[in-house]
Amino acid sequence: MAVMACSTGPPRELIERNDHSGLATWYQQEALRLRNKAEEMRQMAELYAEPSYRPASKESKSDLIFHCRSFMDYYTKAADEAEALAKVHREQEPSIP
């Protein structure tokens, strides 16, 4: 199984401009992307769990399922953190009268 890279962080220009609205949007989109990755891992684990699946590698079915679930947990936690950061940035956005 290949390791999927996570994003490097929000665009520097948003940080430099102190653009809380833009950062909130970026983190919310990042959370969605990470949740989609978690779902891909869940589906992959289901595929590996099917009785007809035979691994082509030296890893056992249970190893492959474990790896998928580990990635699923990782992506889910990262999405939770991104949503928390989006909330923080939404709260920092100054109110417009």
N, C-alpha and C. Protein backbone atom coordinates (compact mmCIF):
# COMPACT_ATOMS: atom_id res chain seq x y z
N MET A 1 0.84 -1.17 0.00
CA MET A 1 0.00 0.00 0.00
C MET A 1 0.89 1.23 0.00
N ALA A 2 0.54 2.20 -0.80
CA ALA A 2 1.31 3.44 -0.89
C ALA A 2 0.90 4.40 0.21
N VAL A 3 1.86 5.19 0.67
CA VAL A 3 1.57 6.20 1.67
C VAL A 3 1.14 7.46 0.95
N MET A 4 -0.02 7.98 1.33
CA MET A 4 -0.52 9.19 0.72
C MET A 4 -0.05 10.40 1.50
N ALA A 5 0.42 11.39 0.80
CA ALA A 5 0.93 12.59 1.47
C ALA A 5 -0.22 13.48 1.91
N CYS A 6 -0.01 14.11 3.04
CA CYS A 6 -0.96 15.11 3.51
C CYS A 6 -0.52 16.46 2.99
N SER A 7 -1.40 17.38 3.02
CA SER A 7 -1.10 18.71 2.54
C SER A 7 0.00 19.36 3.38
N THR A 8 0.67 20.33 2.79
CA THR A 8 1.77 20.99 3.47
C THR A 8 1.31 22.13 4.36
N GLY A 9 0.12 22.59 4.20
CA GLY A 9 -0.37 23.68 5.02
C GLY A 9 -1.10 24.71 4.18
N PRO A 10 -1.71 25.66 4.85
CA PRO A 10 -2.48 26.67 4.12
C PRO A 10 -1.56 27.56 3.28
N PRO A 11 -2.11 28.15 2.23
CA PRO A 11 -1.30 29.05 1.39
C PRO A 11 -0.70 30.19 2.22
N ARG A 12 0.56 30.41 1.98
CA ARG A 12 1.32 31.42 2.73
C ARG A 12 0.69 32.81 2.62
N GLU A 13 0.16 33.14 1.43
CA GLU A 13 -0.41 34.48 1.24
C GLU A 13 -1.61 34.72 2.15
N LEU A 14 -2.37 33.68 2.46
CA LEU A 14 -3.50 33.84 3.39
C LEU A 14 -3.00 34.19 4.79
N ILE A 15 -1.92 33.54 5.18
CA ILE A 15 -1.34 33.79 6.50
C ILE A 15 -0.76 35.20 6.55
N GLU A 16 -0.01 35.57 5.50
CA GLU A 16 0.61 36.89 5.46
C GLU A 16 -0.41 38.01 5.46
N ARG A 17 -1.55 37.81 4.81
CA ARG A 17 -2.62 38.83 4.77
C ARG A 17 -3.51 38.79 6.00
N ASN A 18 -3.25 37.80 6.87
CA ASN A 18 -4.09 37.64 8.06
C ASN A 18 -5.56 37.45 7.64
N ASP A 19 -5.73 36.66 6.59
CA ASP A 19 -7.06 36.43 5.98
C ASP A 19 -7.74 35.27 6.69
N HIS A 20 -8.42 35.58 7.79
CA HIS A 20 -9.07 34.53 8.58
C HIS A 20 -10.20 33.85 7.83
N SER A 21 -10.93 34.61 7.05
CA SER A 21 -12.02 34.02 6.27
C SER A 21 -11.45 33.02 5.25
N GLY A 22 -10.40 33.42 4.56
CA GLY A 22 -9.76 32.53 3.59
C GLY A 22 -9.17 31.30 4.26
N LEU A 23 -8.55 31.49 5.42
CA LEU A 23 -7.97 30.36 6.15
C LEU A 23 -9.06 29.41 6.64
N ALA A 24 -10.17 29.97 7.12
CA ALA A 24 -11.29 29.12 7.56
C ALA A 24 -11.79 28.27 6.39
N THR A 25 -11.92 28.88 5.23
CA THR A 25 -12.37 28.15 4.05
C THR A 25 -11.36 27.08 3.66
N TRP A 26 -10.07 27.43 3.69
CA TRP A 26 -9.03 26.48 3.32
C TRP A 26 -9.05 25.27 4.26
N TYR A 27 -9.12 25.54 5.56
CA TYR A 27 -9.13 24.42 6.53
C TYR A 27 -10.39 23.57 6.39
N GLN A 28 -11.53 24.20 6.09
CA GLN A 28 -12.76 23.42 5.90
C GLN A 28 -12.63 22.52 4.68
N GLN A 29 -12.04 23.04 3.62
CA GLN A 29 -11.84 22.23 2.41
C GLN A 29 -10.83 21.10 2.67
N GLU A 30 -9.81 21.41 3.46
CA GLU A 30 -8.82 20.39 3.82
C GLU A 30 -9.48 19.27 4.64
N ALA A 31 -10.37 19.65 5.55
CA ALA A 31 -11.09 18.65 6.35
C ALA A 31 -11.91 17.73 5.44
N LEU A 32 -12.56 18.31 4.46
CA LEU A 32 -13.35 17.51 3.52
C LEU A 32 -12.45 16.56 2.73
N ARG A 33 -11.31 17.05 2.27
CA ARG A 33 -10.37 16.21 1.53
C ARG A 33 -9.88 15.05 2.39
N LEU A 34 -9.58 15.33 3.65
CA LEU A 34 -9.10 14.29 4.56
C LEU A 34 -10.20 13.28 4.88
N ARG A 35 -11.43 13.74 5.03
CA ARG A 35 -12.54 12.80 5.27
C ARG A 35 -12.75 11.89 4.06
N ASN A 36 -12.56 12.44 2.86
CA ASN A 36 -12.65 11.61 1.65
C ASN A 36 -11.55 10.55 1.64
N LYS A 37 -10.35 10.92 2.06
CA LYS A 37 -9.25 9.96 2.16
C LYS A 37 -9.59 8.85 3.16
N ALA A 38 -10.17 9.25 4.30
CA ALA A 38 -10.56 8.27 5.31
C ALA A 38 -11.59 7.30 4.74
N GLU A 39 -12.53 7.82 3.96
CA GLU A 39 -13.54 6.97 3.34
C GLU A 39 -12.91 6.01 2.33
N GLU A 40 -11.93 6.48 1.57
CA GLU A 40 -11.23 5.61 0.63
C GLU A 40 -10.55 4.45 1.38
N MET A 41 -9.97 4.76 2.51
CA MET A 41 -9.31 3.71 3.31
C MET A 41 -10.32 2.73 3.88
N ARG A 42 -11.49 3.23 4.28
CA ARG A 42 -12.54 2.35 4.79
C ARG A 42 -12.98 1.38 3.69
N GLN A 43 -13.18 1.91 2.49
CA GLN A 43 -13.60 1.07 1.37
C GLN A 43 -12.52 0.06 1.00
N MET A 44 -11.27 0.48 1.07
CA MET A 44 -10.18 -0.43 0.76
C MET A 44 -10.12 -1.57 1.78
N ALA A 45 -10.33 -1.24 3.05
CA ALA A 45 -10.34 -2.27 4.09
C ALA A 45 -11.47 -3.27 3.84
N GLU A 46 -12.63 -2.77 3.41
CA GLU A 46 -13.75 -3.67 3.09
C GLU A 46 -13.37 -4.60 1.94
N LEU A 47 -12.70 -4.06 0.93
CA LEU A 47 -12.27 -4.89 -0.20
C LEU A 47 -11.33 -5.99 0.27
N TYR A 48 -10.35 -5.61 1.10
CA TYR A 48 -9.40 -6.60 1.61
C TYR A 48 -10.09 -7.66 2.47
N ALA A 49 -11.18 -7.30 3.12
CA ALA A 49 -11.87 -8.22 4.02
C ALA A 49 -12.75 -9.22 3.27
N GLU A 50 -13.02 -8.97 2.00
CA GLU A 50 -13.88 -9.88 1.23
C GLU A 50 -13.21 -11.26 1.15
N PRO A 51 -14.01 -12.32 1.31
CA PRO A 51 -13.46 -13.68 1.29
C PRO A 51 -12.71 -14.02 -0.01
N SER A 52 -13.11 -13.42 -1.11
CA SER A 52 -12.49 -13.74 -2.40
C SER A 52 -11.17 -13.00 -2.62
N TYR A 53 -10.85 -12.02 -1.77
CA TYR A 53 -9.63 -11.25 -1.97
C TYR A 53 -8.41 -12.07 -1.56
N ARG A 54 -7.41 -12.10 -2.42
CA ARG A 54 -6.14 -12.78 -2.14
C ARG A 54 -5.02 -11.77 -2.31
N PRO A 55 -4.29 -11.46 -1.24
CA PRO A 55 -3.21 -10.47 -1.35
C PRO A 55 -2.12 -10.92 -2.32
N ALA A 56 -1.63 -9.98 -3.09
CA ALA A 56 -0.54 -10.27 -4.03
C ALA A 56 0.81 -10.05 -3.37
N SER A 57 0.80 -9.43 -2.22
CA SER A 57 2.05 -9.14 -1.52
C SER A 57 2.29 -10.14 -0.40
N LYS A 58 3.38 -9.94 0.32
CA LYS A 58 3.72 -10.82 1.43
C LYS A 58 2.87 -10.53 2.66
N GLU A 59 2.20 -9.38 2.67
CA GLU A 59 1.38 -9.03 3.83
C GLU A 59 0.10 -9.86 3.84
N SER A 60 -0.36 -10.14 5.04
CA SER A 60 -1.60 -10.90 5.18
C SER A 60 -2.79 -9.95 5.02
N LYS A 61 -3.95 -10.55 4.81
CA LYS A 61 -5.18 -9.76 4.74
C LYS A 61 -5.36 -8.92 5.99
N SER A 62 -5.10 -9.52 7.14
CA SER A 62 -5.30 -8.78 8.39
C SER A 62 -4.31 -7.61 8.50
N ASP A 63 -3.09 -7.78 7.98
CA ASP A 63 -2.12 -6.67 7.97
C ASP A 63 -2.63 -5.53 7.09
N LEU A 64 -3.12 -5.88 5.91
CA LEU A 64 -3.61 -4.86 4.99
C LEU A 64 -4.81 -4.12 5.59
N ILE A 65 -5.71 -4.84 6.20
CA ILE A 65 -6.88 -4.23 6.84
C ILE A 65 -6.43 -3.32 7.98
N PHE A 66 -5.46 -3.78 8.77
CA PHE A 66 -4.93 -2.97 9.87
C PHE A 66 -4.35 -1.66 9.35
N HIS A 67 -3.56 -1.73 8.28
CA HIS A 67 -2.96 -0.52 7.70
C HIS A 67 -4.04 0.45 7.23
N CYS A 68 -5.05 -0.07 6.56
CA CYS A 68 -6.14 0.78 6.08
C CYS A 68 -6.85 1.47 7.25
N ARG A 69 -7.13 0.71 8.28
CA ARG A 69 -7.81 1.29 9.44
C ARG A 69 -6.93 2.31 10.15
N SER A 70 -5.63 2.08 10.19
CA SER A 70 -4.71 3.05 10.79
C SER A 70 -4.73 4.35 10.01
N PHE A 71 -4.68 4.26 8.67
CA PHE A 71 -4.76 5.46 7.85
C PHE A 71 -6.11 6.14 8.01
N MET A 72 -7.16 5.34 8.08
CA MET A 72 -8.50 5.90 8.26
C MET A 72 -8.56 6.72 9.55
N ASP A 73 -8.02 6.17 10.64
CA ASP A 73 -7.99 6.90 11.91
C ASP A 73 -7.16 8.17 11.80
N TYR A 74 -6.00 8.06 11.15
CA TYR A 74 -5.11 9.21 10.98
C TYR A 74 -5.82 10.33 10.21
N TYR A 75 -6.42 9.99 9.07
CA TYR A 75 -7.10 11.00 8.26
C TYR A 75 -8.30 11.60 9.00
N THR A 76 -9.01 10.79 9.75
CA THR A 76 -10.16 11.29 10.51
C THR A 76 -9.71 12.28 11.58
N LYS A 77 -8.65 11.95 12.30
CA LYS A 77 -8.14 12.86 13.33
C LYS A 77 -7.62 14.15 12.71
N ALA A 78 -6.93 14.04 11.58
CA ALA A 78 -6.44 15.24 10.89
C ALA A 78 -7.60 16.10 10.42
N ALA A 79 -8.67 15.49 9.95
CA ALA A 79 -9.86 16.25 9.52
C ALA A 79 -10.49 16.95 10.71
N ASP A 80 -10.56 16.28 11.85
CA ASP A 80 -11.10 16.91 13.06
C ASP A 80 -10.27 18.14 13.43
N GLU A 81 -8.95 18.02 13.34
CA GLU A 81 -8.07 19.15 13.66
C GLU A 81 -8.26 20.29 12.66
N ALA A 82 -8.40 19.97 11.39
CA ALA A 82 -8.62 21.00 10.37
C ALA A 82 -9.94 21.72 10.63
N GLU A 83 -10.98 20.99 11.00
CA GLU A 83 -12.26 21.63 11.31
C GLU A 83 -12.14 22.53 12.54
N ALA A 84 -11.36 22.11 13.52
CA ALA A 84 -11.16 22.94 14.71
C ALA A 84 -10.42 24.23 14.33
N LEU A 85 -9.43 24.13 13.45
CA LEU A 85 -8.71 25.33 13.01
C LEU A 85 -9.61 26.23 12.17
N ALA A 86 -10.48 25.65 11.36
CA ALA A 86 -11.43 26.46 10.59
C ALA A 86 -12.32 27.25 11.55
N LYS A 87 -12.77 26.61 12.61
CA LYS A 87 -13.62 27.28 13.60
C LYS A 87 -12.87 28.44 14.27
N VAL A 88 -11.62 28.20 14.63
CA VAL A 88 -10.81 29.26 15.26
C VAL A 88 -10.70 30.46 14.32
N HIS A 89 -10.43 30.20 13.06
CA HIS A 89 -10.29 31.31 12.10
C HIS A 89 -11.62 32.01 11.84
N ARG A 90 -12.72 31.27 11.83
CA ARG A 90 -14.02 31.92 11.67
C ARG A 90 -14.28 32.86 12.85
N GLU A 91 -13.89 32.45 14.04
CA GLU A 91 -14.10 33.27 15.23
C GLU A 91 -13.18 34.50 15.25
N GLN A 92 -12.06 34.45 14.52
CA GLN A 92 -11.12 35.57 14.47
C GLN A 92 -11.51 36.62 13.44
N GLU A 93 -12.37 36.27 12.52
CA GLU A 93 -12.78 37.19 11.46
C GLU A 93 -13.54 38.35 12.10
N PRO A 94 -13.04 39.56 11.89
CA PRO A 94 -13.73 40.73 12.49
C PRO A 94 -15.15 40.88 11.91
N SER A 95 -16.04 41.26 12.77
CA SER A 95 -17.43 41.48 12.34
C SER A 95 -17.52 42.73 11.51
N ILE A 96 -18.28 42.64 10.45
CA ILE A 96 -18.50 43.81 9.60
C ILE A 96 -19.87 44.39 9.96
N PRO A 97 -19.88 45.68 10.36
CA PRO A 97 -21.17 46.27 10.80
C PRO A 97 -22.20 46.34 9.69
